[in-house]
Protein backbone atom coordinates (compact mmCIF):
# COMPACT_ATOMS: atom_id res chain seq x y z
CA MET A 1 42.77 123.73 -65.73
CA ARG A 2 42.35 125.77 -62.55
CA LYS A 3 41.18 128.77 -64.58
CA LYS A 4 38.58 126.60 -66.31
CA LEU A 5 37.32 125.21 -63.00
CA PHE A 6 37.17 128.73 -61.60
CA LYS A 7 35.07 129.88 -64.56
CA ILE A 8 32.78 126.89 -64.18
CA SER A 9 32.32 127.51 -60.45
CA ARG A 10 31.43 131.15 -61.09
CA ILE A 11 28.53 129.98 -63.26
CA PHE A 12 27.60 126.77 -61.47
CA ILE A 13 27.31 128.04 -57.88
CA PRO A 14 24.94 130.98 -58.61
CA THR A 15 22.86 128.68 -60.82
CA MET A 16 22.52 126.11 -58.05
CA ILE A 17 21.55 128.77 -55.49
CA ALA A 18 18.96 130.28 -57.84
CA LEU A 19 17.37 126.91 -58.60
CA PHE A 20 17.21 125.96 -54.93
CA PHE A 21 15.68 129.32 -54.08
CA PHE A 22 13.07 128.90 -56.83
CA SER A 23 12.07 125.40 -55.70
CA THR A 24 11.69 126.62 -52.12
CA ILE A 25 9.57 129.63 -53.06
CA ALA A 26 7.39 127.55 -55.38
CA SER A 27 6.17 125.45 -52.45
CA ALA A 28 5.90 128.30 -49.90
CA HIS A 29 2.13 128.82 -49.92
CA VAL A 30 -0.35 129.58 -47.18
CA THR A 31 -2.15 126.26 -46.67
CA VAL A 32 -5.18 125.02 -44.73
CA VAL A 33 -5.61 121.43 -43.54
CA PRO A 34 -7.47 119.15 -43.62
CA LYS A 35 -8.18 119.46 -47.32
CA THR A 36 -11.32 117.33 -47.07
CA SER A 37 -14.02 117.35 -44.39
CA ALA A 38 -17.66 116.33 -43.93
CA THR A 39 -20.78 118.46 -44.25
CA GLY A 40 -22.07 119.85 -40.96
CA ALA A 41 -19.06 118.60 -39.00
CA TRP A 42 -17.10 120.52 -36.38
CA GLU A 43 -13.58 120.54 -37.74
CA THR A 44 -10.19 121.68 -36.48
CA TYR A 45 -8.43 123.66 -39.21
CA THR A 46 -4.73 124.47 -39.21
CA ILE A 47 -3.51 127.46 -41.24
CA LYS A 48 0.19 127.23 -42.06
CA VAL A 49 1.90 130.54 -42.90
CA PRO A 50 5.46 130.46 -44.31
CA VAL A 51 7.68 133.49 -44.97
CA GLU A 52 8.85 133.91 -48.57
CA LYS A 53 10.51 137.32 -48.21
CA GLU A 54 13.64 138.46 -46.41
CA MET A 55 11.58 140.14 -43.71
CA ALA A 56 9.11 139.18 -41.02
CA THR A 57 5.40 138.50 -41.42
CA THR A 58 3.54 140.53 -38.80
CA LYS A 59 -0.13 139.79 -39.54
CA ILE A 60 -2.32 137.25 -41.31
CA THR A 61 -6.00 137.79 -42.11
CA VAL A 62 -8.20 134.94 -43.36
CA LYS A 63 -11.70 135.29 -44.81
CA VAL A 64 -14.15 132.70 -43.52
CA PRO A 65 -15.66 130.75 -46.44
CA ALA A 66 -19.44 131.00 -46.91
CA GLY A 67 -21.40 128.64 -44.67
CA PHE A 68 -18.63 128.18 -42.07
CA GLU A 69 -19.05 129.16 -38.42
CA VAL A 70 -15.86 129.86 -36.45
CA GLU A 71 -16.31 128.60 -32.89
CA SER A 72 -12.90 129.06 -31.25
CA TYR A 73 -9.17 129.48 -31.82
CA GLN A 74 -5.95 128.21 -30.27
CA PRO A 75 -3.93 130.96 -28.57
CA VAL A 76 -0.45 131.50 -30.03
CA PRO A 77 2.24 133.11 -27.87
CA GLY A 78 3.26 136.45 -29.33
CA TRP A 79 0.06 136.86 -31.36
CA ASN A 80 -3.33 138.52 -30.78
CA PHE A 81 -6.57 137.18 -32.29
CA SER A 82 -9.46 139.31 -33.56
CA GLU A 83 -12.60 138.79 -35.66
CA GLU A 84 -14.70 140.84 -38.04
CA LYS A 85 -18.35 139.83 -37.69
CA ASP A 86 -21.43 140.23 -39.88
CA ALA A 87 -24.87 141.51 -38.81
CA SER A 88 -25.80 138.10 -37.41
CA GLY A 89 -22.71 137.98 -35.21
CA LYS A 90 -20.87 135.35 -37.23
CA ALA A 91 -17.20 135.84 -38.12
CA LYS A 92 -16.57 137.08 -41.67
CA SER A 93 -12.82 137.04 -41.19
CA PHE A 94 -10.27 136.55 -38.45
CA THR A 95 -6.81 138.03 -37.94
CA PHE A 96 -3.69 137.03 -36.04
CA THR A 97 -1.44 140.02 -35.32
CA ALA A 98 2.07 139.72 -33.94
CA THR A 99 2.86 141.47 -30.67
CA GLY A 100 6.57 140.79 -31.13
CA GLU A 101 8.86 140.27 -34.11
CA GLY A 102 6.43 137.99 -35.98
CA ILE A 103 7.40 135.14 -38.30
CA LEU A 104 11.02 135.57 -39.36
CA PRO A 105 12.55 134.61 -42.74
CA GLY A 106 13.06 130.85 -43.00
CA GLN A 107 10.31 130.19 -40.44
CA PHE A 108 6.61 129.33 -40.53
CA GLN A 109 3.79 129.57 -38.03
CA GLN A 110 0.63 127.49 -37.60
CA PHE A 111 -2.68 128.98 -36.48
CA VAL A 112 -5.51 126.69 -35.39
CA ILE A 113 -9.27 127.32 -35.33
CA VAL A 114 -12.38 125.20 -34.79
CA ALA A 115 -15.25 125.79 -37.20
CA LYS A 116 -18.56 124.21 -38.16
CA ASN A 117 -18.71 123.17 -41.81
CA PRO A 118 -21.57 124.15 -44.13
CA ASP A 119 -24.44 121.69 -44.45
CA LYS A 120 -24.06 121.36 -48.24
CA ALA A 121 -21.15 119.91 -50.19
CA THR A 122 -18.91 122.59 -51.65
CA LYS A 123 -15.37 123.61 -52.48
CA ALA A 124 -14.52 126.21 -49.86
CA ALA A 125 -11.84 128.80 -50.63
CA TRP A 126 -9.80 130.32 -47.79
CA ASP A 127 -8.70 133.75 -49.00
CA ALA A 128 -5.73 134.91 -46.93
CA TYR A 129 -3.82 138.19 -46.71
CA GLN A 130 -0.24 138.03 -45.47
CA TYR A 131 1.22 141.30 -44.13
CA TYR A 132 4.97 141.93 -44.01
CA LYS A 133 6.96 144.27 -41.79
CA ASP A 134 7.50 146.78 -44.64
CA GLY A 135 3.73 147.14 -45.15
CA SER A 136 3.53 144.96 -48.26
CA ILE A 137 0.71 142.44 -48.58
CA VAL A 138 0.62 139.09 -50.36
CA GLU A 139 -2.95 138.21 -51.30
CA TRP A 140 -3.48 134.45 -51.35
CA THR A 141 -6.73 134.73 -53.30
CA GLY A 142 -5.96 133.20 -56.71
CA ASN A 143 -7.38 130.04 -58.22
CA GLU A 144 -5.46 126.78 -58.42
CA GLY A 145 -2.39 127.25 -60.60
CA ALA A 146 -2.01 130.95 -59.78
CA ASP A 147 1.19 132.35 -58.28
CA THR A 148 -0.63 133.08 -55.01
CA PRO A 149 -3.51 130.56 -54.82
CA HIS A 150 -5.97 130.32 -51.97
CA ALA A 151 -6.27 127.07 -50.02
CA ILE A 152 -9.26 124.85 -50.85
CA THR A 153 -11.22 122.54 -48.55
CA ASN A 154 -13.52 120.00 -50.18
CA ILE A 155 -16.66 119.70 -48.07
CA VAL A 156 -18.26 116.38 -48.93
CA THR A 157 -21.01 114.15 -47.55
CA ALA A 158 -20.10 111.85 -44.67
CA SER A 159 -20.36 108.72 -46.84
CA THR A 160 -18.00 110.23 -49.43
CA THR A 161 -15.53 111.12 -46.69
CA ALA A 162 -15.56 107.54 -45.41
CA ALA A 163 -15.02 106.20 -48.92
CA ASP A 164 -12.10 108.57 -49.46
CA HIS A 165 -10.61 107.47 -46.15
CA ASP A 166 -10.91 103.79 -47.11
CA HIS A 167 -9.39 104.49 -50.52
CA MET A 168 -6.42 106.30 -48.95
CA LYS A 169 -5.95 103.44 -46.48
CA THR A 170 -5.92 100.92 -49.35
CA GLU A 171 -3.42 102.98 -51.34
CA ASN A 172 -1.15 103.35 -48.31
CA THR A 173 -1.27 99.57 -47.75
CA LYS A 174 -0.27 98.96 -51.39
CA THR A 175 2.59 101.42 -51.04
CA VAL A 176 3.95 99.63 -47.96
CA GLU A 177 3.65 96.22 -49.62
CA THR A 178 5.47 97.25 -52.78
CA GLY A 179 8.08 99.26 -50.92
CA LYS A 180 7.35 102.30 -53.07
CA THR A 181 6.81 105.79 -51.66
CA THR A 182 5.87 109.04 -53.31
CA ASN A 183 6.38 112.60 -52.18
CA ALA A 184 4.98 115.24 -54.54
CA SER A 185 6.33 118.09 -52.43
CA SER A 186 9.93 116.99 -53.16
CA LEU A 187 9.42 117.04 -56.95
CA PRO A 188 10.51 120.69 -57.48
CA LEU A 189 13.74 120.09 -55.55
CA ILE A 190 14.47 116.87 -57.46
CA LEU A 191 13.96 118.64 -60.79
CA SER A 192 16.21 121.46 -59.63
CA ILE A 193 18.99 119.03 -58.69
CA VAL A 194 18.73 117.28 -62.06
CA SER A 195 18.90 120.64 -63.85
CA VAL A 196 21.99 121.61 -61.86
CA LEU A 197 23.76 118.34 -62.68
CA LEU A 198 22.97 118.65 -66.38
CA SER A 199 24.22 122.25 -66.37
CA LEU A 200 27.44 121.18 -64.67
CA ILE A 201 28.05 118.40 -67.20
CA ALA A 202 27.45 120.79 -70.08
CA LEU A 203 29.87 123.33 -68.64
CA ILE A 204 32.59 120.72 -68.12
CA LEU A 205 32.22 119.41 -71.67
CA ALA A 206 32.34 122.96 -73.03
CA ALA A 207 35.51 123.68 -71.02
CA ARG A 208 37.25 120.58 -72.36
CA LYS A 209 36.58 121.60 -75.96
CA LYS A 210 38.33 124.94 -75.46
């Protein structure tokens, strides 16, 4: 029996680690919030940069979507800020470069800017380039569904934004009243746990037949 359990553990433990690692990596994207904002508004945007490799991130460059005007940034200890500007003096891209060790594995860093939104409704893509200590670059420039997608901000009219806010408020009220909560970000981990349990059951049943 001990030999059977030992064989099962040799298969089960690596499987569990691999599934957990996959679910973590799947959600480790460069993101920009808020995801919805109003036309012509001055908005505070937060860029969240996680580390998905076993080495530090030392630089992050973000292209400014068309029609946006970057006004200012929030200083981050251990990081320098720089901009690349066009002929009119507006920022085309901005970069945060680490002066120290950077963002270490298992960590994330948030970078905050203030920008004026375009005057017309649009879906704005934030192309980002994440630089690692070994010189490798992860380009977060793909469309939705890609392995390395860019973040999207929906720029909508003020009336649409208010309607969306009211809708979200109504949905949140319904959730509280019914006692039900949802968390889409936990779905990959839940599926991984279910897969692990099913694999374990199958291995135990197979061991008993032998």
